[in-house]
Amino acid sequence: MLETVDYALSRLQWSALALISFVCVGFGQPAFSSVLSFVSALIGYALFFRVMLAYPSWKTRFLLGTIWYMSVQIVQLWWMTSHPYLYIYAVLLFTSVMMGLQFGILCLFIQPAQFQNVWRLTAIAGLWAVLEWSRLFFLSGMSWNPSGLALSANLYTLQVASLAGVFGLSFWVIFTNLLALKAWLAKPKGSSTALFATAALLPFLYGFVHVHTQDRGFAEAEKQPYKALLVQTAFPIEEIMGFKEHTGMVAYVLQEWKKILQITRQQIGKPIDLVVLPEFTVPFGTYSFVYPYPLVATAFKEIYGPENAKKLPPLESPLAEKQGNFWMVNNAFFTQALANIFNSEVVIGLEDAEDVEGEREYYSSALHFSPREADATEFFVNRYEKRVLVPMGEYIPFSFAKKLAASYGIHGSFTAGKEAKLLGNKRPMGVSICYEETFGDMMRENKLKGAEMLVNLTSDIWYPDSLLPRQHLDHSRLRTVENGIPLLRACNTGITCAVDSLGRTIDALPDEDQWLSESLYVQVPIYNYLTLYSRVGDKLIIGLSLLLMLGFLRYRD
């Protein structure tokens, strides 16, 4: 029982609690600090909730909660400010305010009476899980910074995502913090402290058992690993380089392709099942004939050697076109050449287009190529179209925003894909492009379709020298554990790596130097297992949370 006490705090006390909680939660993500992540998951929010108890006015709690959490989000989203255009500060402020308002709503329920009953605390935690989940449905969705990310800093606590996904982790973080505050306030403290300790330890206990149970299945998978070559290009943004003429840009992009050949040359001769290149590897789309064939053939011969140059695809449509007396080739020609030379499937990120009902539609795509015999009569490429597009960058959400977008050189929109698609011949793979992999239920669709691994193509180049790549990777690891499936990531800039189905990094390129152009050869155990989350997705935690909230409303007195 909680005694009837005066919850008032001095200005120094509430200022100290608000500041300490701000540091713990604001920097309590794996990308910042694993130690503060641990503190945030246990007591970081509880410290601020204690401040809320000092204010009986709902207006004050709402205002302070909004400002506090808005400030937390500004810290966690500060990577946005590395964007080259100043409008991003407005995006940062708007996003932080919107998320702050959600937390302000949560703080309306942080009242002394709620701590008399543990079930009321579960309802408050459920409310937060629902509020975080609701962010996924505004514009393209705001998937960054769920509170549960704090639990992903530790391998064992990360495993709880296999039960209820990242929003289940968020539920547990807030519930544990509420129990911490209840134990702090309770007199006597025995049962409340024991309940808090149990909630704090359960994720570690579950994770320990889960990891060591699933580890037994890796032994067989490691005997026949999947061999992949991940390419990190580290190319700058061509759109803002200001080429004065088309020929200059073509020459520049041709040099980019030569760079790709140079950094992959060391891997020739190794057994490779899949080559992965990043999102928007190079401009000019898939089938635009922009490269003179003699220059392309010479590049392959000089870099890969004469024998490998013989494996270039034939000069025929849709890979080549004769213009006057010269043959011109495209990005599909380069990609098919890589598939032939490495005798491997290739997945590459390129812009692609097609005519749909008389309209030309453009897609941010992942295209899948297979090795092709010289006498093959058919040419076939599989394609996945990106489903989650970046507002203003990849599509213009409102008509009034078209003029603003035009001032930054954006004159049109991509068409969003409509469904998850499996690519691959040897192993079915579910492909995602950029921050699509931060959406748990979306990646779950790939597992349900039969994917044995996830492949992500990313470019974090619009936010250089920032913390975004590490935050992005933290979300990637969650997807592997949620669905019990390994992951391959190839980035332009970002963290190029392979992760197993328990969220452990198998190998990765160093991330200290953003401008590292390199290739990474990895051998991945394709060990999959069906998780509770892969069966039911977010419906479990959201449904449970809604039931708890209904119970709270029904029995709030």
Protein backbone atom coordinates (compact mmCIF):
# COMPACT_ATOMS: atom_id res chain seq x y z
CA MET A 1 0.00 0.00 0.00
CA LEU A 2 1.06 3.57 -0.65
CA GLU A 3 0.60 5.86 2.29
CA THR A 4 -1.12 9.21 1.90
CA VAL A 5 1.89 11.44 1.48
CA ASP A 6 2.81 14.84 0.19
CA TYR A 7 4.33 14.32 -3.26
CA ALA A 8 5.56 17.91 -3.54
CA LEU A 9 9.16 18.48 -4.60
CA SER A 10 11.41 21.46 -4.20
CA ARG A 11 12.53 23.22 -7.34
CA LEU A 12 16.00 21.70 -6.93
CA GLN A 13 14.57 18.21 -6.51
CA TRP A 14 12.29 18.23 -9.52
CA SER A 15 14.94 19.96 -11.66
CA ALA A 16 17.52 17.32 -10.73
CA LEU A 17 15.10 14.44 -11.38
CA ALA A 18 13.97 15.89 -14.71
CA LEU A 19 17.56 16.45 -15.84
CA ILE A 20 18.85 13.04 -14.75
CA SER A 21 15.89 11.28 -16.37
CA PHE A 22 16.42 13.33 -19.54
CA VAL A 23 20.05 12.19 -19.77
CA CYS A 24 19.17 8.56 -19.02
CA VAL A 25 16.35 8.33 -21.54
CA GLY A 26 17.66 10.75 -24.18
CA PHE A 27 20.96 8.89 -24.42
CA GLY A 28 19.47 5.54 -23.41
CA GLN A 29 19.74 3.87 -26.80
CA PRO A 30 22.30 1.27 -27.95
CA ALA A 31 23.69 3.75 -30.48
CA PHE A 32 24.61 6.10 -27.62
CA SER A 33 25.36 3.92 -24.61
CA SER A 34 24.54 0.35 -23.58
CA VAL A 35 24.87 1.38 -19.91
CA LEU A 36 22.36 4.23 -20.19
CA SER A 37 20.09 1.94 -22.21
CA PHE A 38 20.02 -0.41 -19.22
CA VAL A 39 19.31 2.47 -16.82
CA SER A 40 16.62 3.86 -19.13
CA ALA A 41 14.87 0.50 -19.37
CA LEU A 42 14.74 0.15 -15.56
CA ILE A 43 14.39 3.57 -13.94
CA GLY A 44 14.98 6.35 -16.51
CA TYR A 45 11.29 7.08 -17.03
CA ALA A 46 10.48 6.43 -13.37
CA LEU A 47 12.58 9.42 -12.35
CA PHE A 48 10.51 11.71 -14.54
CA PHE A 49 7.24 10.06 -13.51
CA ARG A 50 8.16 10.99 -9.94
CA VAL A 51 8.21 14.62 -11.04
CA MET A 52 4.72 14.18 -12.51
CA LEU A 53 3.35 13.06 -9.14
CA ALA A 54 4.28 16.45 -7.71
CA TYR A 55 1.78 18.18 -10.02
CA PRO A 56 -1.92 17.47 -9.42
CA SER A 57 -2.90 19.73 -12.34
CA TRP A 58 -3.43 17.68 -15.51
CA LYS A 59 -2.51 20.70 -17.63
CA THR A 60 0.88 21.00 -15.95
CA ARG A 61 1.61 17.29 -16.33
CA PHE A 62 0.64 17.37 -19.99
CA LEU A 63 2.78 20.44 -20.70
CA LEU A 64 5.86 19.24 -18.79
CA GLY A 65 5.58 15.72 -20.22
CA THR A 66 5.33 17.10 -23.74
CA ILE A 67 8.35 19.39 -23.33
CA TRP A 68 10.46 16.71 -21.64
CA TYR A 69 9.83 14.02 -24.24
CA MET A 70 10.11 16.49 -27.11
CA SER A 71 13.58 17.31 -25.81
CA VAL A 72 14.40 13.60 -25.60
CA GLN A 73 13.41 13.17 -29.23
CA ILE A 74 15.48 16.14 -30.36
CA VAL A 75 18.51 14.37 -28.87
CA GLN A 76 17.67 11.00 -30.40
CA LEU A 77 16.81 12.49 -33.80
CA TRP A 78 19.68 14.97 -33.88
CA TRP A 79 21.19 12.99 -36.74
CA MET A 80 18.62 14.74 -38.95
CA THR A 81 20.59 17.98 -38.70
CA SER A 82 23.43 16.52 -40.79
CA HIS A 83 21.10 16.78 -43.81
CA PRO A 84 22.39 19.29 -46.40
CA TYR A 85 19.17 21.33 -46.52
CA LEU A 86 17.98 23.58 -43.69
CA TYR A 87 14.31 22.61 -43.97
CA ILE A 88 15.23 19.50 -41.99
CA TYR A 89 15.20 21.56 -38.79
CA ALA A 90 11.47 22.13 -39.29
CA VAL A 91 11.02 18.39 -39.82
CA LEU A 92 13.00 17.65 -36.64
CA LEU A 93 10.95 20.11 -34.58
CA PHE A 94 7.60 18.95 -35.97
CA THR A 95 8.40 15.27 -35.41
CA SER A 96 9.70 15.88 -31.89
CA VAL A 97 6.63 17.94 -30.94
CA MET A 98 4.23 15.29 -32.24
CA MET A 99 5.98 12.55 -30.28
CA GLY A 100 6.16 14.85 -27.26
CA LEU A 101 2.40 15.35 -27.38
CA GLN A 102 1.94 11.59 -27.20
CA PHE A 103 4.03 11.42 -24.05
CA GLY A 104 2.08 14.35 -22.66
CA ILE A 105 -1.06 12.24 -23.02
CA LEU A 106 0.62 9.40 -21.13
CA CYS A 107 1.55 11.77 -18.30
CA LEU A 108 -2.11 12.59 -17.76
CA PHE A 109 -2.40 9.14 -16.16
CA ILE A 110 0.65 9.42 -13.89
CA GLN A 111 -1.28 10.05 -10.68
CA PRO A 112 -0.78 8.69 -7.14
CA ALA A 113 -4.03 6.71 -7.24
CA GLN A 114 -2.84 4.62 -10.18
CA PHE A 115 0.03 3.19 -8.15
CA GLN A 116 -2.37 1.49 -5.75
CA ASN A 117 -3.12 -1.17 -8.36
CA VAL A 118 -0.64 -3.05 -10.56
CA TRP A 119 -3.27 -3.69 -13.22
CA ARG A 120 -3.70 0.04 -13.68
CA LEU A 121 0.02 0.30 -14.32
CA THR A 122 -0.22 -2.39 -17.02
CA ALA A 123 -2.97 -0.33 -18.67
CA ILE A 124 -0.75 2.77 -18.66
CA ALA A 125 2.08 0.74 -20.24
CA GLY A 126 -0.43 -0.56 -22.78
CA LEU A 127 -1.51 2.97 -23.63
CA TRP A 128 2.10 3.84 -24.44
CA ALA A 129 2.52 0.77 -26.65
CA VAL A 130 -0.60 1.77 -28.60
CA LEU A 131 0.56 5.39 -28.92
CA GLU A 132 3.95 4.30 -30.29
CA TRP A 133 2.30 1.85 -32.68
CA SER A 134 -0.02 4.60 -33.96
CA ARG A 135 2.99 6.51 -35.30
CA LEU A 136 3.30 3.96 -38.09
CA PHE A 137 0.16 5.28 -39.75
CA PHE A 138 1.01 8.98 -40.17
CA LEU A 139 2.23 9.77 -43.69
CA SER A 140 4.76 7.02 -44.43
CA GLY A 141 5.05 6.17 -40.75
CA MET A 142 7.40 7.26 -37.99
CA SER A 143 9.16 4.11 -36.81
CA TRP A 144 12.16 5.64 -35.06
CA ASN A 145 12.84 5.63 -31.34
CA PRO A 146 10.36 3.26 -29.72
CA SER A 147 11.11 3.08 -26.00
CA GLY A 148 11.72 -0.64 -26.31
CA LEU A 149 14.88 0.02 -28.31
CA ALA A 150 16.64 0.40 -24.96
CA LEU A 151 16.24 -3.34 -24.31
CA SER A 152 17.97 -4.21 -27.61
CA ALA A 153 21.34 -3.10 -26.21
CA ASN A 154 21.74 -6.47 -24.50
CA LEU A 155 21.66 -9.76 -26.42
CA TYR A 156 19.47 -11.48 -23.83
CA THR A 157 16.88 -8.75 -23.31
CA LEU A 158 16.74 -8.31 -27.10
CA GLN A 159 15.25 -11.81 -27.38
CA VAL A 160 11.96 -10.68 -25.83
CA ALA A 161 11.22 -9.16 -29.26
CA SER A 162 10.61 -12.73 -30.48
CA LEU A 163 7.45 -12.73 -28.34
CA ALA A 164 5.80 -9.37 -28.95
CA GLY A 165 8.07 -7.30 -31.17
CA VAL A 166 9.53 -3.91 -30.40
CA PHE A 167 6.23 -2.56 -29.07
CA GLY A 168 6.19 -5.44 -26.61
CA LEU A 169 9.61 -4.23 -25.48
CA SER A 170 8.20 -0.70 -25.13
CA PHE A 171 5.34 -2.04 -23.03
CA TRP A 172 7.80 -3.81 -20.74
CA VAL A 173 10.10 -0.78 -20.41
CA ILE A 174 7.28 1.50 -19.26
CA PHE A 175 5.71 -1.18 -17.05
CA THR A 176 9.07 -1.87 -15.36
CA ASN A 177 9.64 1.85 -14.80
CA LEU A 178 6.18 2.22 -13.27
CA LEU A 179 6.91 -0.69 -10.95
CA ALA A 180 10.22 0.97 -10.03
CA LEU A 181 8.38 4.11 -8.99
CA LYS A 182 5.79 2.08 -7.09
CA ALA A 183 8.61 0.33 -5.18
CA TRP A 184 10.22 3.70 -4.47
CA LEU A 185 7.03 5.11 -2.98
CA ALA A 186 5.71 2.03 -1.20
CA LYS A 187 5.86 1.55 2.57
CA PRO A 188 6.65 -1.19 3.39
CA LYS A 189 8.70 -1.84 0.25
CA GLY A 190 8.99 -5.64 0.35
CA SER A 191 6.37 -6.88 -2.11
CA SER A 192 6.64 -3.86 -4.44
CA THR A 193 10.43 -4.18 -4.61
CA ALA A 194 10.17 -7.90 -5.29
CA LEU A 195 7.69 -7.24 -8.12
CA PHE A 196 9.99 -4.64 -9.67
CA ALA A 197 13.00 -6.95 -9.39
CA THR A 198 11.04 -9.75 -11.05
CA ALA A 199 10.01 -7.51 -13.95
CA ALA A 200 13.59 -6.29 -14.35
CA LEU A 201 15.05 -9.83 -14.38
CA LEU A 202 12.48 -11.63 -16.54
CA PRO A 203 13.81 -10.33 -19.91
CA PHE A 204 17.32 -11.52 -18.99
CA LEU A 205 16.07 -14.93 -17.89
CA TYR A 206 13.92 -15.43 -20.97
CA GLY A 207 16.70 -14.25 -23.27
CA PHE A 208 19.28 -16.55 -21.67
CA VAL A 209 17.05 -19.59 -22.12
CA HIS A 210 16.02 -18.54 -25.65
CA VAL A 211 19.57 -17.98 -26.89
CA HIS A 212 20.94 -21.22 -25.51
CA THR A 213 17.95 -23.19 -26.77
CA GLN A 214 18.17 -21.84 -30.31
CA ASP A 215 21.96 -22.04 -30.37
CA ARG A 216 21.66 -25.80 -30.73
CA GLY A 217 20.13 -25.36 -34.16
CA PHE A 218 23.07 -23.36 -35.53
CA ALA A 219 25.49 -26.30 -35.55
CA GLU A 220 23.85 -27.98 -38.55
CA ALA A 221 23.29 -24.71 -40.42
CA GLU A 222 26.94 -23.73 -40.05
CA LYS A 223 28.02 -26.83 -42.01
CA GLN A 224 26.50 -25.39 -45.20
CA PRO A 225 26.54 -21.61 -44.81
CA TYR A 226 25.12 -19.20 -47.35
CA LYS A 227 27.97 -17.25 -48.95
CA ALA A 228 27.38 -13.62 -49.79
CA LEU A 229 29.36 -10.65 -51.06
CA LEU A 230 28.15 -7.35 -49.64
CA VAL A 231 29.26 -4.20 -51.45
CA GLN A 232 29.60 -0.84 -49.70
CA THR A 233 30.05 1.87 -52.32
CA ALA A 234 30.27 5.12 -50.27
CA PHE A 235 29.31 7.27 -53.25
CA PRO A 236 28.32 10.93 -52.76
CA ILE A 237 24.91 12.29 -53.75
CA GLU A 238 25.14 12.92 -57.50
CA GLU A 239 21.95 15.02 -57.47
CA ILE A 240 23.62 17.84 -55.54
CA MET A 241 26.99 17.76 -57.31
CA GLY A 242 25.91 20.25 -59.98
CA PHE A 243 27.01 18.59 -63.22
CA LYS A 244 26.81 21.12 -66.00
CA GLU A 245 26.29 18.61 -68.78
CA HIS A 246 25.02 15.08 -69.21
CA THR A 247 28.29 13.71 -70.58
CA GLY A 248 30.13 14.84 -67.45
CA MET A 249 27.73 12.95 -65.21
CA VAL A 250 27.95 9.82 -67.38
CA ALA A 251 31.74 9.89 -67.14
CA TYR A 252 31.51 10.30 -63.38
CA VAL A 253 29.08 7.40 -62.92
CA LEU A 254 31.25 5.22 -65.16
CA GLN A 255 34.06 5.85 -62.68
CA GLU A 256 31.71 4.75 -59.90
CA TRP A 257 31.15 1.45 -61.68
CA LYS A 258 34.90 1.04 -62.01
CA LYS A 259 35.17 1.57 -58.27
CA ILE A 260 32.67 -1.24 -57.72
CA LEU A 261 34.74 -3.52 -59.95
CA GLN A 262 37.93 -2.61 -58.08
CA ILE A 263 36.57 -3.27 -54.57
CA THR A 264 35.04 -6.61 -55.60
CA ARG A 265 38.04 -7.84 -57.63
CA GLN A 266 39.64 -9.45 -54.56
CA GLN A 267 36.60 -11.70 -54.12
CA ILE A 268 36.75 -13.31 -57.59
CA GLY A 269 37.21 -17.07 -57.36
CA LYS A 270 35.44 -17.47 -54.02
CA PRO A 271 32.22 -19.50 -53.90
CA ILE A 272 29.47 -16.88 -53.79
CA ASP A 273 25.71 -17.42 -53.72
CA LEU A 274 24.66 -13.78 -53.71
CA VAL A 275 26.16 -10.37 -54.44
CA VAL A 276 24.31 -7.45 -52.82
CA LEU A 277 24.70 -3.81 -53.85
CA PRO A 278 23.03 -0.91 -52.01
CA GLU A 279 19.99 1.26 -52.55
CA PHE A 280 20.30 3.54 -55.61
CA THR A 281 23.72 2.09 -56.38
CA VAL A 282 24.13 4.46 -59.33
CA PRO A 283 21.84 6.89 -61.20
CA PHE A 284 20.32 6.55 -64.70
CA GLY A 285 17.86 3.81 -63.80
CA THR A 286 18.02 0.24 -65.03
CA TYR A 287 17.71 0.32 -68.82
CA SER A 288 18.93 3.76 -69.97
CA PHE A 289 21.66 3.29 -72.61
CA VAL A 290 24.25 5.80 -71.42
CA TYR A 291 27.62 3.98 -71.35
CA PRO A 292 29.72 3.44 -74.50
CA TYR A 293 30.36 -0.30 -74.73
CA PRO A 294 34.09 -0.04 -75.63
CA LEU A 295 34.77 1.87 -72.40
CA VAL A 296 32.80 -0.66 -70.36
CA ALA A 297 34.51 -3.67 -71.96
CA THR A 298 37.91 -2.10 -71.37
CA ALA A 299 37.12 -1.48 -67.70
CA PHE A 300 36.15 -5.13 -67.13
CA LYS A 301 39.23 -6.37 -68.97
CA GLU A 302 41.66 -4.12 -67.08
CA ILE A 303 40.17 -4.73 -63.64
CA TYR A 304 38.87 -8.32 -63.78
CA GLY A 305 41.24 -9.65 -66.44
CA PRO A 306 40.74 -10.88 -70.04
CA GLU A 307 39.25 -14.26 -69.06
CA ASN A 308 36.51 -12.71 -66.97
CA ALA A 309 35.85 -10.07 -69.62
CA LYS A 310 34.76 -12.92 -71.91
CA LYS A 311 31.78 -13.47 -69.62
CA LEU A 312 30.20 -10.13 -70.45
CA PRO A 313 26.61 -10.55 -71.66
CA PRO A 314 25.89 -10.36 -75.40
CA LEU A 315 25.10 -7.03 -77.00
CA GLU A 316 21.35 -7.36 -77.30
CA SER A 317 18.18 -5.82 -75.93
CA PRO A 318 17.44 -4.91 -73.19
CA LEU A 319 21.10 -4.70 -72.11
CA ALA A 320 22.54 -2.97 -75.17
CA GLU A 321 21.43 -0.84 -78.08
CA LYS A 322 23.24 0.24 -81.21
CA GLN A 323 23.14 3.98 -81.68
CA GLY A 324 24.63 4.91 -85.04
CA ASN A 325 27.93 3.05 -85.29
CA PHE A 326 28.30 2.58 -81.51
CA TRP A 327 26.91 0.13 -79.01
CA MET A 328 25.63 1.65 -75.79
CA VAL A 329 24.91 -0.34 -72.60
CA ASN A 330 23.12 0.31 -69.31
CA ASN A 331 23.20 -0.48 -65.61
CA ALA A 332 21.45 -3.79 -66.26
CA PHE A 333 24.40 -4.75 -68.50
CA PHE A 334 26.87 -4.06 -65.67
CA THR A 335 24.76 -6.03 -63.19
CA GLN A 336 24.32 -9.02 -65.51
CA ALA A 337 28.07 -9.00 -66.08
CA LEU A 338 28.66 -9.25 -62.33
CA ALA A 339 26.20 -12.16 -62.10
CA ASN A 340 28.01 -13.97 -64.92
CA ILE A 341 31.53 -13.34 -63.63
CA PHE A 342 30.81 -14.31 -60.02
CA ASN A 343 28.41 -17.07 -61.15
CA SER A 344 26.11 -15.69 -58.53
CA GLU A 345 22.73 -14.12 -58.06
CA VAL A 346 22.89 -10.34 -57.70
CA VAL A 347 20.50 -7.97 -55.93
CA ILE A 348 20.99 -4.28 -56.70
CA GLY A 349 19.13 -1.09 -55.85
CA LEU A 350 18.23 1.01 -58.91
CA GLU A 351 15.49 3.31 -60.09
CA ASP A 352 13.19 1.46 -62.45
CA ALA A 353 10.18 2.44 -64.56
CA GLU A 354 7.31 0.96 -66.51
CA ASP A 355 4.17 2.09 -68.30
CA VAL A 356 0.96 1.42 -66.37
CA GLU A 357 -2.32 2.27 -68.09
CA GLY A 358 -0.62 4.84 -70.29
CA GLU A 359 1.23 6.51 -67.42
CA ARG A 360 4.96 6.28 -66.79
CA GLU A 361 5.55 5.11 -63.22
CA TYR A 362 8.91 5.18 -61.45
CA TYR A 363 10.00 2.94 -58.59
CA SER A 364 12.77 2.74 -56.06
CA SER A 365 13.58 -0.88 -56.75
CA ALA A 366 15.63 -3.90 -55.78
CA LEU A 367 16.34 -5.96 -58.89
CA HIS A 368 17.39 -9.59 -58.87
CA PHE A 369 19.69 -10.94 -61.61
CA SER A 370 20.86 -14.53 -62.12
CA PRO A 371 23.87 -15.87 -64.06
CA ARG A 372 23.03 -16.20 -67.74
CA GLU A 373 24.53 -18.57 -70.26
CA ALA A 374 25.85 -17.01 -73.46
CA ASP A 375 23.33 -18.93 -75.58
CA ALA A 376 20.34 -18.21 -73.32
CA THR A 377 17.32 -17.06 -75.30
CA GLU A 378 15.42 -15.36 -72.50
CA PHE A 379 16.33 -12.49 -70.21
CA PHE A 380 14.37 -12.20 -66.99
CA VAL A 381 14.81 -9.95 -63.95
CA ASN A 382 12.75 -10.05 -60.75
CA ARG A 383 11.92 -6.76 -59.07
CA TYR A 384 10.78 -5.58 -55.67
CA GLU A 385 9.34 -2.06 -55.41
CA LYS A 386 9.92 -0.03 -52.26
CA ARG A 387 6.67 0.30 -50.31
CA VAL A 388 7.58 2.92 -47.67
CA LEU A 389 8.62 6.14 -49.40
CA VAL A 390 10.27 9.11 -47.70
CA PRO A 391 7.97 12.17 -47.66
CA MET A 392 9.36 15.04 -49.78
CA GLY A 393 12.41 12.96 -50.76
CA GLU A 394 10.64 10.16 -52.65
CA TYR A 395 7.09 11.39 -52.87
CA ILE A 396 5.30 14.70 -52.33
CA PRO A 397 2.50 14.12 -49.79
CA PHE A 398 0.52 17.36 -50.24
CA SER A 399 -0.18 19.48 -53.30
CA PHE A 400 0.90 22.66 -51.48
CA ALA A 401 4.33 21.07 -50.91
CA LYS A 402 5.11 20.70 -54.62
CA LYS A 403 6.55 24.20 -54.94
CA LEU A 404 8.76 23.72 -51.90
CA ALA A 405 9.95 20.36 -53.22
CA ALA A 406 10.71 21.89 -56.62
CA SER A 407 13.02 24.42 -54.98
CA TYR A 408 15.15 21.45 -53.89
CA GLY A 409 15.11 19.80 -57.31
CA ILE A 410 12.28 17.33 -56.56
CA HIS A 411 9.70 17.44 -59.34
CA GLY A 412 7.95 14.09 -59.11
CA SER A 413 7.17 11.13 -56.95
CA PHE A 414 7.95 7.46 -56.98
CA THR A 415 5.11 4.97 -57.01
CA ALA A 416 4.96 2.88 -53.85
CA GLY A 417 5.10 -0.89 -54.13
CA LYS A 418 2.05 -2.83 -53.04
CA GLU A 419 3.34 -6.04 -51.48
CA ALA A 420 6.21 -8.03 -50.07
CA LYS A 421 8.00 -10.12 -52.70
CA LEU A 422 10.44 -12.96 -52.38
CA LEU A 423 13.51 -12.93 -54.62
CA GLY A 424 16.19 -15.54 -55.05
CA ASN A 425 16.70 -18.95 -56.60
CA LYS A 426 18.90 -20.85 -54.17
CA ARG A 427 17.31 -19.34 -51.06
CA PRO A 428 14.11 -17.26 -50.89
CA MET A 429 14.91 -13.81 -49.54
CA GLY A 430 12.69 -11.00 -48.38
CA VAL A 431 14.07 -7.68 -49.59
CA SER A 432 13.63 -4.26 -48.00
CA ILE A 433 14.95 -0.88 -49.07
CA CYS A 434 16.35 1.60 -46.55
CA TYR A 435 14.17 2.33 -43.54
CA GLU A 436 11.50 -0.18 -44.52
CA GLU A 437 13.38 -2.57 -42.25
CA THR A 438 12.39 -0.44 -39.25
CA PHE A 439 8.78 -1.66 -39.65
CA GLY A 440 8.47 -4.95 -37.82
CA ASP A 441 5.12 -6.16 -39.13
CA MET A 442 6.18 -5.35 -42.70
CA MET A 443 9.32 -7.50 -42.41
CA ARG A 444 7.18 -10.22 -40.85
CA GLU A 445 5.28 -10.48 -44.15
CA ASN A 446 8.47 -11.79 -45.76
CA LYS A 447 8.80 -14.52 -43.15
CA LEU A 448 5.19 -15.58 -43.65
CA LYS A 449 5.75 -15.81 -47.41
CA GLY A 450 8.60 -18.25 -46.83
CA ALA A 451 11.71 -16.05 -46.73
CA GLU A 452 14.75 -17.78 -45.23
CA MET A 453 16.69 -14.53 -44.88
CA LEU A 454 16.20 -10.78 -45.07
CA VAL A 455 18.21 -8.60 -47.43
CA ASN A 456 18.33 -4.84 -46.92
CA LEU A 457 19.65 -2.23 -49.35
CA THR A 458 20.37 1.08 -47.66
CA SER A 459 21.90 4.48 -48.24
CA ASP A 460 22.23 6.79 -45.24
CA ILE A 461 24.17 9.30 -47.33
CA TRP A 462 21.64 12.12 -46.84
CA TYR A 463 22.67 12.22 -43.17
CA PRO A 464 26.48 12.07 -43.28
CA ASP A 465 28.71 11.76 -40.22
CA SER A 466 25.76 11.16 -37.90
CA LEU A 467 24.44 8.53 -35.52
CA LEU A 468 21.77 7.41 -37.98
CA PRO A 469 23.66 4.33 -39.29
CA ARG A 470 23.96 2.86 -35.80
CA GLN A 471 20.33 3.57 -34.93
CA HIS A 472 19.33 2.08 -38.27
CA LEU A 473 21.30 -1.11 -37.50
CA ASP A 474 19.68 -1.40 -34.06
CA HIS A 475 16.30 -1.64 -35.80
CA SER A 476 17.72 -4.24 -38.21
CA ARG A 477 18.77 -6.49 -35.36
CA LEU A 478 15.27 -6.31 -33.89
CA ARG A 479 13.81 -7.62 -37.16
CA THR A 480 16.04 -10.71 -37.08
CA VAL A 481 14.97 -11.63 -33.54
CA GLU A 482 11.30 -10.82 -34.09
CA ASN A 483 11.16 -13.26 -36.97
CA GLY A 484 13.95 -15.72 -36.19
CA ILE A 485 15.66 -15.01 -39.49
CA PRO A 486 19.18 -13.87 -40.57
CA LEU A 487 19.89 -10.61 -42.35
CA LEU A 488 22.27 -9.30 -45.01
CA ARG A 489 22.78 -5.51 -45.33
CA ALA A 490 24.59 -3.67 -48.12
CA CYS A 491 24.89 0.09 -47.69
CA ASN A 492 26.13 2.98 -49.76
CA THR A 493 26.95 4.63 -46.47
CA GLY A 494 25.76 2.92 -43.32
CA ILE A 495 26.78 -0.32 -41.63
CA THR A 496 27.28 -3.13 -44.12
CA CYS A 497 27.03 -6.41 -42.24
CA ALA A 498 25.48 -9.84 -41.74
CA VAL A 499 23.38 -10.64 -38.65
CA ASP A 500 22.21 -14.07 -37.55
CA SER A 501 18.68 -14.97 -36.45
CA LEU A 502 19.49 -14.20 -32.80
CA GLY A 503 20.57 -10.64 -33.59
CA ARG A 504 24.31 -11.34 -33.36
CA THR A 505 26.58 -9.63 -35.87
CA ILE A 506 28.45 -12.26 -37.89
CA ASP A 507 30.73 -9.76 -39.59
CA ALA A 508 30.64 -6.09 -40.52
CA LEU A 509 32.71 -3.48 -42.29
CA PRO A 510 34.24 -0.89 -39.94
CA ASP A 511 31.86 2.02 -39.40
CA GLU A 512 34.38 4.57 -38.15
CA ASP A 513 34.97 5.84 -41.71
CA GLN A 514 31.73 6.69 -43.49
CA TRP A 515 33.54 6.95 -46.81
CA LEU A 516 34.94 3.43 -46.81
CA SER A 517 34.41 1.76 -50.20
CA GLU A 518 34.87 -1.95 -49.68
CA SER A 519 33.35 -5.39 -50.13
CA LEU A 520 32.63 -7.89 -47.37
CA TYR A 521 32.60 -11.66 -47.88
CA VAL A 522 30.41 -13.41 -45.32
CA GLN A 523 29.27 -16.95 -44.60
CA VAL A 524 25.87 -16.95 -42.95
CA PRO A 525 24.21 -19.90 -41.22
CA ILE A 526 20.68 -19.97 -42.63
CA TYR A 527 19.05 -21.01 -39.39
CA ASN A 528 15.40 -19.99 -39.09
CA TYR A 529 12.83 -20.61 -36.42
CA LEU A 530 9.19 -19.63 -36.03
CA THR A 531 8.63 -17.08 -33.27
CA LEU A 532 5.45 -16.03 -31.55
CA TYR A 533 5.85 -12.61 -33.13
CA SER A 534 6.22 -14.07 -36.63
CA ARG A 535 2.93 -15.91 -36.06
CA VAL A 536 0.81 -12.99 -34.79
CA GLY A 537 2.82 -9.80 -35.28
CA ASP A 538 1.85 -6.60 -33.48
CA LYS A 539 -1.71 -7.83 -32.98
CA LEU A 540 -0.73 -9.59 -29.75
CA ILE A 541 0.68 -6.64 -27.82
CA ILE A 542 -1.71 -4.08 -29.31
CA GLY A 543 -4.74 -6.28 -28.65
CA LEU A 544 -3.60 -6.97 -25.09
CA SER A 545 -2.92 -3.27 -24.54
CA LEU A 546 -6.38 -2.30 -25.76
CA LEU A 547 -7.98 -4.85 -23.44
CA LEU A 548 -6.00 -3.49 -20.49
CA MET A 549 -7.04 0.04 -21.40
CA LEU A 550 -10.70 -0.96 -21.59
CA GLY A 551 -10.39 -2.58 -18.17
CA PHE A 552 -8.82 0.59 -16.82
CA LEU A 553 -11.74 2.67 -18.08
CA ARG A 554 -14.29 0.19 -16.76
CA TYR A 555 -12.81 -0.12 -13.27
CA ARG A 556 -10.95 3.16 -12.90
CA ASP A 557 -12.68 3.89 -9.60
